[in-house]
Amino acid sequence: TGGNPATWTLAQTIVALDNRASGLINDNEFFGAAIAIDGNTAIIGAHGANRAGNSAQWNFGAAYIQTRPNGTGAWTEIKRLDEFADTEVKAYSGFGYSVDISVDTVVVGVHATTAPFGVVKPGRARIYDRNAGGANQWGLVHEAVPSDSLVSTHFGRSVALSNNLLLVGSPGGSEGSTDLRGFVEVVRRTPGEIPAWL
């Protein structure tokens, strides 16, 4: 109200430390397609990240966790989340299509805009905790899937995380369903219980 507007200036450009893009036509890692930040930690989705250089290894997807020491410090990549080591995961699975972060927990949506090569798999939302598996290891603690167990490549297209509450969007019908309106599933975490997320 009457004051001078704040000035926004470029402070840093962030790129993936391990860029496996081949440089060939139609090969885009889509780094930055999804972004979320909470304090001094951020997560960046790249649903086109390649597992390796040949076309059969394209578009497996990844998400990159960045931290900074304080509000003016530089962002540094500390962890790449992916499913590269999973032999059942197919190209174009859409890992990193959506991301969110809340305090020490991140969620990565796995949504395929087209069916993954070789199999139609249901969309998923993978939850990682900062210190699961060791300090700053960002280990997997839960994988949310459609509650009706029906294949839905739409599930995980959007995610929202706030403390112990996760919402997973599925803006389309399940495989074989005539109801195409879409839905949102609510997943809650109860600390101290096993499993914590239900």
N, C-alpha and C. Protein backbone atom coordinates (compact mmCIF):
# COMPACT_ATOMS: atom_id res chain seq x y z
N THR A 1 0.85 -1.20 0.00
CA THR A 1 0.00 0.00 0.00
C THR A 1 0.88 1.24 0.00
N GLY A 2 1.24 1.70 -1.16
CA GLY A 2 2.02 2.92 -1.27
C GLY A 2 3.52 2.71 -1.29
N GLY A 3 4.01 1.53 -0.90
CA GLY A 3 5.44 1.27 -0.88
C GLY A 3 5.96 0.88 -2.24
N ASN A 4 7.28 0.85 -2.37
CA ASN A 4 7.89 0.43 -3.62
C ASN A 4 7.78 -1.08 -3.77
N PRO A 5 7.48 -1.56 -4.96
CA PRO A 5 7.40 -3.02 -5.16
C PRO A 5 8.76 -3.67 -5.00
N ALA A 6 8.77 -4.91 -4.53
CA ALA A 6 10.03 -5.64 -4.37
C ALA A 6 10.63 -5.93 -5.74
N THR A 7 11.94 -6.02 -5.78
CA THR A 7 12.64 -6.31 -7.01
C THR A 7 13.07 -7.77 -7.02
N TRP A 8 12.65 -8.50 -8.06
CA TRP A 8 13.02 -9.90 -8.21
C TRP A 8 14.19 -9.98 -9.18
N THR A 9 15.27 -10.64 -8.77
CA THR A 9 16.43 -10.81 -9.63
C THR A 9 16.84 -12.28 -9.66
N LEU A 10 17.45 -12.69 -10.76
CA LEU A 10 17.91 -14.07 -10.89
C LEU A 10 19.04 -14.34 -9.92
N ALA A 11 18.89 -15.37 -9.10
CA ALA A 11 19.92 -15.72 -8.13
C ALA A 11 20.70 -16.97 -8.54
N GLN A 12 20.07 -17.87 -9.28
CA GLN A 12 20.73 -19.14 -9.62
C GLN A 12 19.92 -19.86 -10.68
N THR A 13 20.59 -20.61 -11.51
CA THR A 13 19.93 -21.52 -12.44
C THR A 13 20.28 -22.95 -12.03
N ILE A 14 19.27 -23.77 -11.82
CA ILE A 14 19.47 -25.13 -11.33
C ILE A 14 19.30 -26.12 -12.47
N VAL A 15 20.22 -27.03 -12.59
CA VAL A 15 20.13 -28.12 -13.58
C VAL A 15 20.46 -29.43 -12.87
N ALA A 16 20.10 -30.55 -13.48
CA ALA A 16 20.40 -31.86 -12.91
C ALA A 16 21.90 -32.14 -13.01
N LEU A 17 22.48 -32.69 -11.95
CA LEU A 17 23.90 -33.02 -11.98
C LEU A 17 24.20 -34.13 -12.99
N ASP A 18 23.31 -35.10 -13.07
CA ASP A 18 23.49 -36.23 -13.97
C ASP A 18 22.43 -36.16 -15.07
N ASN A 19 22.77 -35.48 -16.15
CA ASN A 19 21.83 -35.32 -17.26
C ASN A 19 22.13 -36.40 -18.28
N ARG A 20 21.19 -37.33 -18.46
CA ARG A 20 21.41 -38.45 -19.36
C ARG A 20 20.70 -38.29 -20.70
N ALA A 21 20.29 -37.07 -21.01
CA ALA A 21 19.64 -36.83 -22.30
C ALA A 21 20.61 -37.16 -23.43
N SER A 22 20.09 -37.79 -24.46
CA SER A 22 20.94 -38.25 -25.56
C SER A 22 21.29 -37.15 -26.54
N GLY A 23 20.50 -36.09 -26.55
CA GLY A 23 20.70 -35.05 -27.55
C GLY A 23 19.98 -35.32 -28.85
N LEU A 24 19.31 -36.46 -28.92
CA LEU A 24 18.57 -36.82 -30.13
C LEU A 24 17.20 -36.17 -30.14
N ILE A 25 16.59 -36.07 -31.31
CA ILE A 25 15.28 -35.46 -31.43
C ILE A 25 14.25 -36.25 -30.61
N ASN A 26 13.33 -35.55 -30.02
CA ASN A 26 12.25 -36.12 -29.20
C ASN A 26 12.71 -36.66 -27.85
N ASP A 27 13.96 -36.42 -27.48
CA ASP A 27 14.45 -36.88 -26.18
C ASP A 27 14.58 -35.67 -25.26
N ASN A 28 13.59 -35.48 -24.40
CA ASN A 28 13.58 -34.35 -23.46
C ASN A 28 13.40 -34.90 -22.06
N GLU A 29 14.25 -34.52 -21.14
CA GLU A 29 14.15 -35.02 -19.77
C GLU A 29 13.08 -34.29 -18.96
N PHE A 30 12.61 -33.14 -19.43
CA PHE A 30 11.55 -32.37 -18.76
C PHE A 30 11.91 -32.00 -17.33
N PHE A 31 13.18 -31.71 -17.10
CA PHE A 31 13.61 -31.24 -15.78
C PHE A 31 12.91 -29.93 -15.45
N GLY A 32 12.25 -29.88 -14.32
CA GLY A 32 11.52 -28.68 -13.92
C GLY A 32 10.05 -28.69 -14.27
N ALA A 33 9.56 -29.82 -14.80
CA ALA A 33 8.13 -29.89 -15.14
C ALA A 33 7.26 -29.84 -13.89
N ALA A 34 7.79 -30.25 -12.76
CA ALA A 34 7.08 -30.16 -11.48
C ALA A 34 8.07 -29.66 -10.44
N ILE A 35 7.64 -28.72 -9.59
CA ILE A 35 8.52 -28.11 -8.59
C ILE A 35 7.74 -27.89 -7.31
N ALA A 36 8.39 -28.12 -6.17
CA ALA A 36 7.79 -27.79 -4.87
C ALA A 36 8.91 -27.39 -3.92
N ILE A 37 8.60 -26.49 -2.99
CA ILE A 37 9.60 -25.99 -2.06
C ILE A 37 8.99 -25.84 -0.68
N ASP A 38 9.79 -26.16 0.32
CA ASP A 38 9.40 -25.92 1.72
C ASP A 38 10.64 -25.49 2.47
N GLY A 39 10.71 -24.22 2.81
CA GLY A 39 11.89 -23.70 3.51
C GLY A 39 13.13 -23.79 2.65
N ASN A 40 14.13 -24.51 3.14
CA ASN A 40 15.40 -24.62 2.43
C ASN A 40 15.57 -25.96 1.71
N THR A 41 14.45 -26.62 1.44
CA THR A 41 14.49 -27.87 0.69
C THR A 41 13.49 -27.79 -0.46
N ALA A 42 13.91 -28.25 -1.62
CA ALA A 42 13.04 -28.24 -2.79
C ALA A 42 13.12 -29.59 -3.49
N ILE A 43 12.10 -29.92 -4.26
CA ILE A 43 12.11 -31.13 -5.08
C ILE A 43 11.67 -30.75 -6.49
N ILE A 44 12.39 -31.28 -7.46
CA ILE A 44 12.17 -30.95 -8.87
C ILE A 44 11.91 -32.24 -9.64
N GLY A 45 10.78 -32.29 -10.33
CA GLY A 45 10.43 -33.47 -11.11
C GLY A 45 10.94 -33.38 -12.53
N ALA A 46 11.31 -34.55 -13.07
CA ALA A 46 11.76 -34.65 -14.46
C ALA A 46 11.24 -35.97 -15.00
N HIS A 47 9.97 -35.99 -15.42
CA HIS A 47 9.35 -37.26 -15.77
C HIS A 47 9.90 -37.88 -17.06
N GLY A 48 10.76 -37.14 -17.75
CA GLY A 48 11.39 -37.69 -18.94
C GLY A 48 12.84 -38.11 -18.74
N ALA A 49 13.32 -38.14 -17.50
CA ALA A 49 14.72 -38.49 -17.24
C ALA A 49 15.03 -39.89 -17.75
N ASN A 50 16.18 -40.03 -18.37
CA ASN A 50 16.57 -41.30 -18.98
C ASN A 50 17.33 -42.18 -18.01
N ARG A 51 17.09 -43.48 -18.10
CA ARG A 51 17.89 -44.43 -17.34
C ARG A 51 19.25 -44.62 -18.01
N ALA A 52 19.28 -44.58 -19.33
CA ALA A 52 20.52 -44.69 -20.10
C ALA A 52 20.30 -44.00 -21.45
N GLY A 53 21.29 -44.09 -22.32
CA GLY A 53 21.28 -43.29 -23.53
C GLY A 53 20.46 -43.79 -24.69
N ASN A 54 20.24 -45.13 -24.81
CA ASN A 54 19.50 -45.60 -25.98
C ASN A 54 17.99 -45.42 -25.77
N SER A 55 17.25 -45.38 -26.85
CA SER A 55 15.84 -44.99 -26.79
C SER A 55 14.99 -45.91 -25.92
N ALA A 56 15.37 -47.17 -25.79
CA ALA A 56 14.62 -48.09 -24.93
C ALA A 56 14.74 -47.73 -23.46
N GLN A 57 15.72 -46.87 -23.14
CA GLN A 57 15.96 -46.47 -21.75
C GLN A 57 15.54 -45.02 -21.48
N TRP A 58 14.83 -44.43 -22.42
CA TRP A 58 14.38 -43.06 -22.25
C TRP A 58 13.14 -42.99 -21.36
N ASN A 59 12.96 -41.82 -20.76
CA ASN A 59 11.70 -41.45 -20.11
C ASN A 59 11.27 -42.38 -18.98
N PHE A 60 12.19 -42.74 -18.13
CA PHE A 60 11.85 -43.48 -16.91
C PHE A 60 11.45 -42.51 -15.80
N GLY A 61 12.01 -41.32 -15.82
CA GLY A 61 11.63 -40.29 -14.86
C GLY A 61 12.47 -40.28 -13.60
N ALA A 62 12.58 -39.11 -13.00
CA ALA A 62 13.34 -38.93 -11.76
C ALA A 62 12.84 -37.68 -11.06
N ALA A 63 13.24 -37.54 -9.80
CA ALA A 63 12.97 -36.32 -9.03
C ALA A 63 14.23 -35.99 -8.24
N TYR A 64 14.55 -34.73 -8.18
CA TYR A 64 15.82 -34.28 -7.62
C TYR A 64 15.56 -33.41 -6.39
N ILE A 65 16.22 -33.76 -5.28
CA ILE A 65 16.07 -32.99 -4.05
C ILE A 65 17.23 -32.02 -3.93
N GLN A 66 16.89 -30.76 -3.72
CA GLN A 66 17.86 -29.69 -3.60
C GLN A 66 17.74 -29.06 -2.20
N THR A 67 18.87 -28.68 -1.63
CA THR A 67 18.85 -27.97 -0.36
C THR A 67 19.76 -26.75 -0.44
N ARG A 68 19.52 -25.82 0.47
CA ARG A 68 20.40 -24.65 0.61
C ARG A 68 20.65 -24.43 2.09
N PRO A 69 21.78 -23.84 2.46
CA PRO A 69 22.11 -23.69 3.89
C PRO A 69 21.27 -22.65 4.61
N ASN A 70 20.77 -21.67 3.88
CA ASN A 70 19.97 -20.60 4.48
C ASN A 70 19.19 -19.92 3.37
N GLY A 71 18.48 -18.86 3.74
CA GLY A 71 17.59 -18.21 2.79
C GLY A 71 18.27 -17.52 1.63
N THR A 72 19.57 -17.30 1.72
CA THR A 72 20.29 -16.65 0.62
C THR A 72 21.38 -17.53 0.02
N GLY A 73 21.52 -18.75 0.54
CA GLY A 73 22.58 -19.63 0.05
C GLY A 73 22.22 -20.28 -1.27
N ALA A 74 23.22 -20.93 -1.87
CA ALA A 74 23.04 -21.58 -3.17
C ALA A 74 22.37 -22.94 -3.00
N TRP A 75 21.57 -23.32 -3.97
CA TRP A 75 20.92 -24.62 -3.98
C TRP A 75 21.88 -25.69 -4.48
N THR A 76 21.88 -26.83 -3.78
CA THR A 76 22.75 -27.95 -4.13
C THR A 76 21.94 -29.23 -4.20
N GLU A 77 22.14 -30.01 -5.25
CA GLU A 77 21.45 -31.30 -5.37
C GLU A 77 22.07 -32.31 -4.40
N ILE A 78 21.23 -32.95 -3.59
CA ILE A 78 21.74 -33.93 -2.64
C ILE A 78 21.22 -35.34 -2.89
N LYS A 79 20.17 -35.48 -3.70
CA LYS A 79 19.61 -36.81 -3.91
C LYS A 79 18.79 -36.83 -5.19
N ARG A 80 18.97 -37.89 -5.97
CA ARG A 80 18.08 -38.15 -7.10
C ARG A 80 17.23 -39.35 -6.75
N LEU A 81 15.92 -39.17 -6.78
CA LEU A 81 14.99 -40.26 -6.57
C LEU A 81 14.58 -40.82 -7.92
N ASP A 82 14.58 -42.13 -8.06
CA ASP A 82 14.20 -42.74 -9.32
C ASP A 82 13.87 -44.21 -9.10
N GLU A 83 13.51 -44.87 -10.18
CA GLU A 83 13.26 -46.31 -10.17
C GLU A 83 14.15 -47.01 -11.19
N PHE A 84 15.31 -46.46 -11.45
CA PHE A 84 16.20 -46.99 -12.49
C PHE A 84 16.61 -48.44 -12.22
N ALA A 85 16.74 -48.81 -10.96
CA ALA A 85 17.22 -50.15 -10.61
C ALA A 85 16.10 -51.20 -10.62
N ASP A 86 14.86 -50.76 -10.75
CA ASP A 86 13.72 -51.68 -10.72
C ASP A 86 13.52 -52.28 -12.11
N THR A 87 13.75 -53.58 -12.22
CA THR A 87 13.67 -54.23 -13.53
C THR A 87 12.25 -54.32 -14.06
N GLU A 88 11.24 -54.12 -13.20
CA GLU A 88 9.85 -54.20 -13.64
C GLU A 88 9.33 -52.88 -14.18
N VAL A 89 10.04 -51.80 -13.91
CA VAL A 89 9.61 -50.48 -14.37
C VAL A 89 9.87 -50.34 -15.86
N LYS A 90 8.91 -49.76 -16.57
CA LYS A 90 9.01 -49.60 -18.01
C LYS A 90 9.23 -48.14 -18.39
N ALA A 91 9.76 -47.94 -19.58
CA ALA A 91 9.91 -46.58 -20.10
C ALA A 91 8.56 -45.89 -20.20
N TYR A 92 8.57 -44.60 -20.03
CA TYR A 92 7.37 -43.76 -20.07
C TYR A 92 6.41 -44.07 -18.91
N SER A 93 6.95 -44.44 -17.77
CA SER A 93 6.11 -44.68 -16.59
C SER A 93 5.70 -43.37 -15.92
N GLY A 94 6.44 -42.29 -16.15
CA GLY A 94 6.03 -40.99 -15.65
C GLY A 94 6.45 -40.66 -14.23
N PHE A 95 7.51 -41.30 -13.73
CA PHE A 95 8.01 -40.97 -12.39
C PHE A 95 8.44 -39.50 -12.35
N GLY A 96 7.92 -38.75 -11.38
CA GLY A 96 8.27 -37.33 -11.27
C GLY A 96 7.32 -36.40 -11.99
N TYR A 97 6.20 -36.93 -12.50
CA TYR A 97 5.23 -36.08 -13.19
C TYR A 97 4.67 -35.02 -12.25
N SER A 98 4.51 -35.39 -10.98
CA SER A 98 4.07 -34.44 -9.95
C SER A 98 4.93 -34.64 -8.72
N VAL A 99 5.14 -33.57 -7.94
CA VAL A 99 5.93 -33.65 -6.72
C VAL A 99 5.37 -32.69 -5.68
N ASP A 100 5.64 -32.97 -4.42
CA ASP A 100 5.35 -32.02 -3.35
C ASP A 100 6.24 -32.34 -2.16
N ILE A 101 6.35 -31.39 -1.25
CA ILE A 101 7.18 -31.55 -0.06
C ILE A 101 6.51 -30.89 1.12
N SER A 102 6.64 -31.51 2.28
CA SER A 102 6.18 -30.93 3.53
C SER A 102 7.16 -31.32 4.62
N VAL A 103 7.90 -30.35 5.11
CA VAL A 103 8.91 -30.51 6.16
C VAL A 103 9.94 -31.55 5.71
N ASP A 104 9.92 -32.76 6.30
CA ASP A 104 10.93 -33.77 6.00
C ASP A 104 10.37 -34.92 5.17
N THR A 105 9.29 -34.69 4.46
CA THR A 105 8.67 -35.73 3.64
C THR A 105 8.43 -35.18 2.24
N VAL A 106 8.71 -36.01 1.23
CA VAL A 106 8.39 -35.64 -0.14
C VAL A 106 7.52 -36.73 -0.75
N VAL A 107 6.73 -36.36 -1.73
CA VAL A 107 5.91 -37.32 -2.47
C VAL A 107 6.17 -37.11 -3.95
N VAL A 108 6.27 -38.22 -4.67
CA VAL A 108 6.51 -38.19 -6.11
C VAL A 108 5.38 -38.93 -6.80
N GLY A 109 4.66 -38.24 -7.68
CA GLY A 109 3.61 -38.89 -8.44
C GLY A 109 4.19 -39.61 -9.65
N VAL A 110 3.68 -40.82 -9.90
CA VAL A 110 4.11 -41.62 -11.04
C VAL A 110 2.91 -41.77 -11.95
N HIS A 111 2.88 -40.94 -12.99
CA HIS A 111 1.72 -40.87 -13.88
C HIS A 111 2.20 -40.93 -15.31
N ALA A 112 1.64 -41.81 -16.11
CA ALA A 112 2.05 -41.94 -17.50
C ALA A 112 1.02 -41.28 -18.41
N THR A 113 1.47 -40.31 -19.21
CA THR A 113 0.55 -39.69 -20.17
C THR A 113 0.16 -40.69 -21.26
N THR A 114 1.04 -41.64 -21.54
CA THR A 114 0.72 -42.76 -22.42
C THR A 114 1.12 -44.04 -21.70
N ALA A 115 0.60 -45.15 -22.13
CA ALA A 115 0.91 -46.41 -21.44
C ALA A 115 2.41 -46.68 -21.49
N PRO A 116 3.01 -47.05 -20.36
CA PRO A 116 4.44 -47.42 -20.37
C PRO A 116 4.70 -48.55 -21.35
N PHE A 117 5.89 -48.56 -21.92
CA PHE A 117 6.24 -49.61 -22.87
C PHE A 117 6.13 -50.97 -22.20
N GLY A 118 5.42 -51.89 -22.81
CA GLY A 118 5.39 -53.27 -22.37
C GLY A 118 4.25 -53.64 -21.46
N VAL A 119 3.67 -52.67 -20.75
CA VAL A 119 2.62 -53.02 -19.79
C VAL A 119 1.91 -51.74 -19.36
N VAL A 120 0.63 -51.84 -19.06
CA VAL A 120 -0.09 -50.73 -18.47
C VAL A 120 -0.05 -50.91 -16.96
N LYS A 121 0.58 -50.00 -16.26
CA LYS A 121 0.69 -50.09 -14.81
C LYS A 121 -0.13 -48.99 -14.17
N PRO A 122 -0.69 -49.25 -13.01
CA PRO A 122 -1.45 -48.19 -12.34
C PRO A 122 -0.54 -47.06 -11.89
N GLY A 123 -1.09 -45.85 -11.90
CA GLY A 123 -0.34 -44.73 -11.36
C GLY A 123 -0.10 -44.94 -9.87
N ARG A 124 0.90 -44.26 -9.36
CA ARG A 124 1.28 -44.41 -7.95
C ARG A 124 1.73 -43.08 -7.39
N ALA A 125 1.82 -43.01 -6.06
CA ALA A 125 2.43 -41.88 -5.38
C ALA A 125 3.42 -42.44 -4.37
N ARG A 126 4.69 -42.13 -4.54
CA ARG A 126 5.74 -42.68 -3.69
C ARG A 126 6.17 -41.65 -2.66
N ILE A 127 6.21 -42.07 -1.40
CA ILE A 127 6.49 -41.18 -0.28
C ILE A 127 7.87 -41.49 0.28
N TYR A 128 8.68 -40.45 0.46
CA TYR A 128 10.04 -40.58 0.96
C TYR A 128 10.22 -39.68 2.18
N ASP A 129 10.95 -40.18 3.18
CA ASP A 129 11.28 -39.38 4.36
C ASP A 129 12.77 -39.06 4.37
N ARG A 130 13.09 -37.86 4.84
CA ARG A 130 14.46 -37.36 4.81
C ARG A 130 15.47 -38.33 5.43
N ASN A 131 15.16 -38.86 6.60
CA ASN A 131 16.13 -39.68 7.33
C ASN A 131 15.83 -41.17 7.30
N ALA A 132 14.91 -41.60 6.43
CA ALA A 132 14.66 -43.03 6.28
C ALA A 132 15.87 -43.68 5.60
N GLY A 133 16.46 -44.67 6.26
CA GLY A 133 17.65 -45.32 5.73
C GLY A 133 18.94 -44.65 6.13
N GLY A 134 18.87 -43.59 6.93
CA GLY A 134 20.07 -42.86 7.35
C GLY A 134 19.87 -41.37 7.17
N ALA A 135 20.74 -40.59 7.76
CA ALA A 135 20.63 -39.13 7.71
C ALA A 135 20.66 -38.64 6.27
N ASN A 136 19.63 -37.89 5.89
CA ASN A 136 19.53 -37.28 4.56
C ASN A 136 19.56 -38.29 3.42
N GLN A 137 19.09 -39.50 3.67
CA GLN A 137 19.06 -40.53 2.63
C GLN A 137 17.77 -40.51 1.81
N TRP A 138 16.74 -39.88 2.32
CA TRP A 138 15.47 -39.76 1.62
C TRP A 138 15.00 -41.13 1.11
N GLY A 139 14.78 -42.06 2.07
CA GLY A 139 14.36 -43.40 1.72
C GLY A 139 12.87 -43.52 1.52
N LEU A 140 12.48 -44.50 0.69
CA LEU A 140 11.07 -44.76 0.42
C LEU A 140 10.41 -45.36 1.66
N VAL A 141 9.26 -44.79 2.05
CA VAL A 141 8.54 -45.30 3.22
C VAL A 141 7.15 -45.82 2.89
N HIS A 142 6.60 -45.42 1.75
CA HIS A 142 5.26 -45.90 1.40
C HIS A 142 4.99 -45.62 -0.07
N GLU A 143 4.17 -46.48 -0.67
CA GLU A 143 3.70 -46.27 -2.03
C GLU A 143 2.19 -46.34 -2.04
N ALA A 144 1.55 -45.23 -2.37
CA ALA A 144 0.09 -45.17 -2.42
C ALA A 144 -0.37 -45.56 -3.81
N VAL A 145 -1.35 -46.47 -3.87
CA VAL A 145 -1.93 -46.93 -5.14
C VAL A 145 -3.44 -46.78 -5.04
N PRO A 146 -4.16 -46.84 -6.16
CA PRO A 146 -5.62 -46.71 -6.10
C PRO A 146 -6.23 -47.72 -5.13
N SER A 147 -7.13 -47.27 -4.28
CA SER A 147 -7.70 -48.12 -3.24
C SER A 147 -8.54 -49.26 -3.81
N ASP A 148 -9.08 -49.08 -5.04
CA ASP A 148 -9.89 -50.13 -5.62
C ASP A 148 -9.03 -51.17 -6.37
N SER A 149 -7.72 -50.95 -6.36
CA SER A 149 -6.76 -51.86 -7.00
C SER A 149 -6.93 -51.97 -8.51
N LEU A 150 -7.76 -51.11 -9.11
CA LEU A 150 -7.93 -51.11 -10.55
C LEU A 150 -6.82 -50.29 -11.21
N VAL A 151 -6.41 -50.73 -12.36
CA VAL A 151 -5.37 -50.00 -13.09
C VAL A 151 -5.87 -48.61 -13.45
N SER A 152 -5.10 -47.60 -13.10
CA SER A 152 -5.44 -46.22 -13.44
C SER A 152 -4.16 -45.47 -13.74
N THR A 153 -3.86 -45.28 -15.02
CA THR A 153 -2.65 -44.55 -15.37
C THR A 153 -2.76 -43.08 -15.01
N HIS A 154 -3.96 -42.61 -14.66
CA HIS A 154 -4.14 -41.21 -14.26
C HIS A 154 -3.74 -40.96 -12.81
N PHE A 155 -3.80 -42.00 -11.97
CA PHE A 155 -3.54 -41.84 -10.55
C PHE A 155 -2.11 -41.33 -10.34
N GLY A 156 -1.97 -40.26 -9.56
CA GLY A 156 -0.66 -39.66 -9.33
C GLY A 156 -0.34 -38.50 -10.23
N ARG A 157 -1.29 -38.13 -11.08
CA ARG A 157 -1.03 -37.00 -11.97
C ARG A 157 -0.84 -35.71 -11.18
N SER A 158 -1.50 -35.61 -10.03
CA SER A 158 -1.29 -34.47 -9.14
C SER A 158 -1.19 -34.99 -7.72
N VAL A 159 -0.38 -34.32 -6.90
CA VAL A 159 -0.23 -34.68 -5.49
C VAL A 159 -0.13 -33.40 -4.67
N ALA A 160 -0.62 -33.48 -3.43
CA ALA A 160 -0.49 -32.37 -2.50
C ALA A 160 -0.24 -32.95 -1.11
N LEU A 161 0.77 -32.44 -0.43
CA LEU A 161 1.21 -32.98 0.85
C LEU A 161 1.25 -31.88 1.89
N SER A 162 0.66 -32.14 3.06
CA SER A 162 0.71 -31.20 4.18
C SER A 162 0.81 -31.99 5.47
N ASN A 163 2.00 -32.00 6.05
CA ASN A 163 2.26 -32.73 7.29
C ASN A 163 1.86 -34.20 7.14
N ASN A 164 0.80 -34.63 7.80
CA ASN A 164 0.41 -36.03 7.79
C ASN A 164 -0.73 -36.34 6.82
N LEU A 165 -0.95 -35.45 5.87
CA LEU A 165 -2.07 -35.61 4.95
C LEU A 165 -1.58 -35.52 3.51
N LEU A 166 -1.95 -36.53 2.72
CA LEU A 166 -1.58 -36.57 1.31
C LEU A 166 -2.83 -36.71 0.47
N LEU A 167 -2.96 -35.88 -0.55
CA LEU A 167 -4.02 -36.00 -1.54
C LEU A 167 -3.40 -36.40 -2.87
N VAL A 168 -3.99 -37.42 -3.50
CA VAL A 168 -3.50 -37.90 -4.79
C VAL A 168 -4.62 -37.77 -5.81
N GLY A 169 -4.37 -37.03 -6.87
CA GLY A 169 -5.37 -36.81 -7.89
C GLY A 169 -5.32 -37.85 -8.99
N SER A 170 -6.51 -38.22 -9.47
CA SER A 170 -6.63 -39.14 -10.61
C SER A 170 -7.71 -38.59 -11.53
N PRO A 171 -7.34 -37.62 -12.40
CA PRO A 171 -8.34 -36.93 -13.22
C PRO A 171 -8.77 -37.72 -14.45
N GLY A 172 -9.19 -38.94 -14.21
CA GLY A 172 -9.66 -39.79 -15.29
C GLY A 172 -10.08 -41.13 -14.73
N GLY A 173 -10.75 -41.92 -15.52
CA GLY A 173 -11.28 -43.19 -15.04
C GLY A 173 -10.24 -44.28 -14.94
N SER A 174 -10.58 -45.30 -14.17
CA SER A 174 -9.75 -46.49 -14.09
C SER A 174 -9.91 -47.31 -15.37
N GLU A 175 -9.00 -48.24 -15.59
CA GLU A 175 -9.04 -49.07 -16.80
C GLU A 175 -10.37 -49.82 -16.90
N GLY A 176 -11.07 -49.63 -18.00
CA GLY A 176 -12.34 -50.31 -18.22
C GLY A 176 -13.54 -49.64 -17.59
N SER A 177 -13.32 -48.54 -16.87
CA SER A 177 -14.43 -47.87 -16.21
C SER A 177 -15.15 -46.95 -17.18
N THR A 178 -16.46 -46.83 -17.00
CA THR A 178 -17.24 -45.88 -17.81
C THR A 178 -17.37 -44.54 -17.11
N ASP A 179 -16.91 -44.47 -15.85
CA ASP A 179 -16.95 -43.22 -15.10
C ASP A 179 -15.62 -42.52 -15.27
N LEU A 180 -15.62 -41.46 -16.05
CA LEU A 180 -14.38 -40.76 -16.39
C LEU A 180 -14.23 -39.43 -15.65
N ARG A 181 -15.02 -39.22 -14.60
CA ARG A 181 -15.01 -37.93 -13.93
C ARG A 181 -13.74 -37.68 -13.15
N GLY A 182 -13.04 -38.74 -12.75
CA GLY A 182 -11.85 -38.58 -11.95
C GLY A 182 -12.17 -38.58 -10.46
N PHE A 183 -11.13 -38.65 -9.64
CA PHE A 183 -11.30 -38.68 -8.19
C PHE A 183 -10.01 -38.26 -7.51
N VAL A 184 -10.11 -37.97 -6.22
CA VAL A 184 -8.95 -37.66 -5.38
C VAL A 184 -9.00 -38.57 -4.16
N GLU A 185 -7.90 -39.25 -3.89
CA GLU A 185 -7.84 -40.11 -2.72
C GLU A 185 -7.04 -39.43 -1.61
N VAL A 186 -7.51 -39.59 -0.39
CA VAL A 186 -6.88 -38.99 0.78
C VAL A 186 -6.14 -40.08 1.55
N VAL A 187 -4.86 -39.88 1.75
CA VAL A 187 -4.02 -40.83 2.47
C VAL A 187 -3.49 -40.13 3.72
N ARG A 188 -3.64 -40.78 4.87
CA ARG A 188 -3.22 -40.18 6.14
C ARG A 188 -2.06 -40.94 6.76
N ARG A 189 -1.21 -40.19 7.44
CA ARG A 189 -0.12 -40.80 8.21
C ARG A 189 -0.45 -40.71 9.69
N THR A 190 -0.31 -41.86 10.38
CA THR A 190 -0.48 -41.90 11.83
C THR A 190 0.87 -42.28 12.43
N PRO A 191 1.63 -41.32 12.93
CA PRO A 191 2.97 -41.63 13.47
C PRO A 191 2.90 -42.69 14.56
N GLY A 192 3.83 -43.62 14.50
CA GLY A 192 3.90 -44.68 15.50
C GLY A 192 3.19 -45.96 15.10
N GLU A 193 2.32 -45.89 14.09
CA GLU A 193 1.62 -47.08 13.64
C GLU A 193 2.33 -47.69 12.44
N ILE A 194 2.12 -49.00 12.23
CA ILE A 194 2.70 -49.70 11.09
C ILE A 194 1.56 -50.39 10.32
N PRO A 195 1.38 -50.06 9.03
CA PRO A 195 2.07 -49.00 8.31
C PRO A 195 1.57 -47.62 8.75
N ALA A 196 2.44 -46.63 8.63
CA ALA A 196 2.07 -45.28 9.10
C ALA A 196 1.07 -44.61 8.17
N TRP A 197 1.20 -44.88 6.84
CA TRP A 197 0.34 -44.24 5.85
C TRP A 197 -0.78 -45.19 5.45
N LEU A 198 -2.02 -44.73 5.56
CA LEU A 198 -3.18 -45.51 5.16
C LEU A 198 -4.20 -44.58 4.50
